[in-house]
Structures are given as C-alpha cells and as structure tokens.
C-alpha cells in the first residue's frame, strides 16, 4: 500500500499543474462544444428522446408556433452555442452555461423532470468552470 502511494505521489510530481489544468480545460471544451451540437441536432431527429415533452406547458402556451417548431429553433441555438465553444471558447462557455440555466428553469416550470433540471444546473456549473479556466479574450 505504501508503494502505491509513493508511486502516485511521484507521478504527480512529474506532471506540472499547468498540464493538468490544460487537460481539464480541453476536456471541458470538447464536452461543452460537442454535447450542445449533438443535442441540437437531435432536436430534429428525436433519436435520443422526444424533446417536446420537456417544454413547460406555460412556455408552450405563450408560443406563437408549435412546440416542435420551437424545439427546432432551440436545436439551431444549441448547435451555434456548441460551435461557439470551439471558435470563441470563453464566450461560448458562458453562453452554454447561461443556456443550461435557462433549460433548468424551463424544466422546473414543468413540475416534472427535477432530476434533469439538477443535472443541467450541474452542467451549467461545469460550463461556467470552463469560462473561469480560460484566459480572457484579447479580441
């Protein structure tokens, strides 16, 4: 057991902290870039789930078009947000974080899907963490 601890400590000492931060940042960047793109594309195919069921009735009632049309628009926004994470990661991470909070609020309004709302809030924290890890944009 002592050997394992010393090997682990030695391995950590060899790998600089900035390398671990860069790895974590890249993992978050790919996660928050790809997941919105995949979820956005699925708004058109409904292979993963029937997305329309997640729209709060109070929101659906005020829409001037069908929930399906709204979800298609949501899909486009999610695809753009995911691409933005790859092009302008700092801004994209903030957009995805805020978008996930909005999704969670919508889910709370359904009176159901509280588990999914909590998951989306945790994901929002992860996206915001990516925002904090990235250097300020110079542009």
Protein backbone atom coordinates (compact mmCIF):
# COMPACT_ATOMS: atom_id res chain seq x y z
CA UNK A 1 0.00 0.00 0.00
CA UNK A 2 2.86 2.37 0.77
CA UNK A 3 4.39 1.65 -2.64
CA UNK A 4 1.20 2.63 -4.39
CA UNK A 5 1.05 5.93 -2.50
CA UNK A 6 4.67 6.78 -3.26
CA UNK A 7 4.28 5.87 -6.95
CA UNK A 8 1.18 8.05 -7.23
CA UNK A 9 2.93 10.95 -5.49
CA UNK A 10 5.98 10.59 -7.72
CA UNK A 11 3.81 10.55 -10.84
CA UNK A 12 2.02 13.71 -9.76
CA UNK A 13 5.32 15.43 -9.06
CA UNK A 14 6.49 14.71 -12.61
CA UNK A 15 3.42 16.22 -14.24
CA UNK A 16 3.18 20.00 -13.83
CA UNK A 17 -0.03 21.54 -12.55
CA UNK A 18 -0.47 23.63 -15.70
CA UNK A 19 -0.55 20.39 -17.73
CA UNK A 20 -3.40 19.07 -15.57
CA UNK A 21 -5.27 22.38 -15.91
CA UNK A 22 -4.77 22.36 -19.68
CA UNK A 23 -6.04 18.78 -19.88
CA UNK A 24 -9.10 19.59 -17.75
CA UNK A 25 -9.78 22.72 -19.80
CA UNK A 26 -9.60 20.77 -23.06
CA UNK A 27 -11.90 18.04 -21.72
CA UNK A 28 -14.43 20.67 -20.71
CA UNK A 29 -14.09 22.47 -24.03
CA UNK A 30 -14.81 19.33 -26.04
CA UNK A 31 -17.65 18.34 -23.71
CA UNK A 32 -19.38 21.72 -23.87
CA UNK A 33 -18.72 22.03 -27.58
CA UNK A 34 -19.90 18.58 -28.65
CA UNK A 35 -22.83 17.96 -26.29
CA UNK A 36 -24.83 21.05 -27.36
CA UNK A 37 -24.16 20.25 -31.03
CA UNK A 38 -25.36 16.65 -30.59
CA UNK A 39 -28.40 17.69 -28.52
CA UNK A 40 -29.17 20.43 -31.04
CA UNK A 41 -29.03 18.03 -33.98
CA UNK A 42 -31.24 15.60 -32.08
CA UNK A 43 -33.94 18.28 -31.80
CA UNK A 44 -34.56 17.49 -35.50
CA UNK A 45 -34.44 13.69 -35.27
CA UNK A 46 -35.67 12.91 -31.72
CA UNK A 47 -33.45 9.82 -31.63
CA UNK A 48 -32.36 10.40 -28.03
CA UNK A 49 -35.75 11.46 -26.69
CA UNK A 50 -38.96 13.32 -27.52
CA UNK A 51 -37.68 16.80 -26.71
CA UNK A 52 -41.14 18.36 -26.93
CA UNK A 53 -42.16 16.70 -23.65
CA UNK A 54 -39.55 18.80 -21.82
CA UNK A 55 -41.16 22.09 -22.81
CA UNK A 56 -43.06 23.61 -19.90
CA UNK A 57 -46.79 23.98 -20.71
CA UNK A 58 -46.69 27.60 -19.53
CA UNK A 59 -43.98 28.25 -22.13
CA UNK A 60 -45.76 26.27 -24.86
CA UNK A 61 -48.97 28.24 -24.22
CA UNK A 62 -47.34 31.59 -24.98
CA UNK A 63 -45.56 30.47 -28.16
CA UNK A 64 -46.94 31.77 -31.45
CA UNK A 65 -45.98 28.45 -33.09
CA UNK A 66 -45.90 24.74 -32.30
CA UNK A 67 -43.61 23.20 -29.68
CA UNK A 68 -41.94 21.25 -32.49
CA UNK A 69 -41.05 24.46 -34.30
CA UNK A 70 -39.77 25.93 -31.05
CA UNK A 71 -37.60 22.87 -30.41
CA UNK A 72 -36.15 23.18 -33.92
CA UNK A 73 -35.19 26.77 -33.11
CA UNK A 74 -33.71 25.56 -29.80
CA UNK A 75 -31.72 22.99 -31.77
CA UNK A 76 -30.24 25.68 -34.01
CA UNK A 77 -29.30 27.79 -30.98
CA UNK A 78 -27.66 24.79 -29.31
CA UNK A 79 -25.65 23.95 -32.43
CA UNK A 80 -24.47 27.56 -32.68
CA UNK A 81 -23.60 27.61 -28.96
CA UNK A 82 -21.56 24.41 -29.31
CA UNK A 83 -19.71 25.73 -32.35
CA UNK A 84 -19.08 28.98 -30.46
CA UNK A 85 -17.31 26.99 -27.73
CA UNK A 86 -14.84 25.80 -30.37
CA UNK A 87 -14.42 29.18 -32.11
CA UNK A 88 -14.55 31.58 -29.14
CA UNK A 89 -14.33 29.28 -26.11
CA UNK A 90 -14.60 31.96 -23.43
CA UNK A 91 -17.80 33.47 -24.83
CA UNK A 92 -19.15 30.06 -25.86
CA UNK A 93 -18.67 28.61 -22.38
CA UNK A 94 -20.61 31.49 -20.86
CA UNK A 95 -23.41 31.17 -23.45
CA UNK A 96 -23.70 27.42 -22.84
CA UNK A 97 -23.69 27.95 -19.08
CA UNK A 98 -26.50 30.51 -19.23
CA UNK A 99 -28.42 28.40 -21.75
CA UNK A 100 -28.27 25.40 -19.40
CA UNK A 101 -29.61 27.52 -16.54
CA UNK A 102 -32.49 28.57 -18.82
CA UNK A 103 -33.20 24.94 -19.68
CA UNK A 104 -33.20 24.04 -15.98
CA UNK A 105 -35.66 26.86 -15.23
CA UNK A 106 -37.94 25.63 -18.01
CA UNK A 107 -37.76 22.10 -16.57
CA UNK A 108 -38.67 23.38 -13.11
CA UNK A 109 -41.72 25.05 -14.64
CA UNK A 110 -42.92 21.68 -15.95
CA UNK A 111 -43.38 20.44 -12.39
CA UNK A 112 -41.55 17.30 -13.51
CA UNK A 113 -38.04 16.37 -14.59
CA UNK A 114 -36.45 17.81 -11.45
CA UNK A 115 -33.63 15.28 -11.83
CA UNK A 116 -32.86 16.56 -15.32
CA UNK A 117 -33.04 20.16 -14.06
CA UNK A 118 -30.46 19.36 -11.37
CA UNK A 119 -28.25 17.67 -13.97
CA UNK A 120 -28.48 20.70 -16.24
CA UNK A 121 -27.58 23.03 -13.36
CA UNK A 122 -24.53 20.88 -12.61
CA UNK A 123 -23.62 21.02 -16.30
CA UNK A 124 -24.06 24.81 -16.19
CA UNK A 125 -21.55 24.93 -13.34
CA UNK A 126 -19.15 22.86 -15.43
CA UNK A 127 -19.54 25.21 -18.40
CA UNK A 128 -19.01 28.21 -16.12
CA UNK A 129 -15.91 26.50 -14.73
CA UNK A 130 -14.61 26.29 -18.30
CA UNK A 131 -15.30 30.02 -18.64
CA UNK A 132 -13.26 30.69 -15.50
CA UNK A 133 -10.37 28.47 -16.60
CA UNK A 134 -9.96 30.12 -19.99
CA UNK A 135 -7.82 33.24 -20.37
CA UNK A 136 -9.59 36.49 -21.18
CA UNK A 137 -10.17 37.03 -24.90
CA UNK A 138 -7.95 39.68 -26.37
CA UNK A 139 -10.36 40.49 -29.21
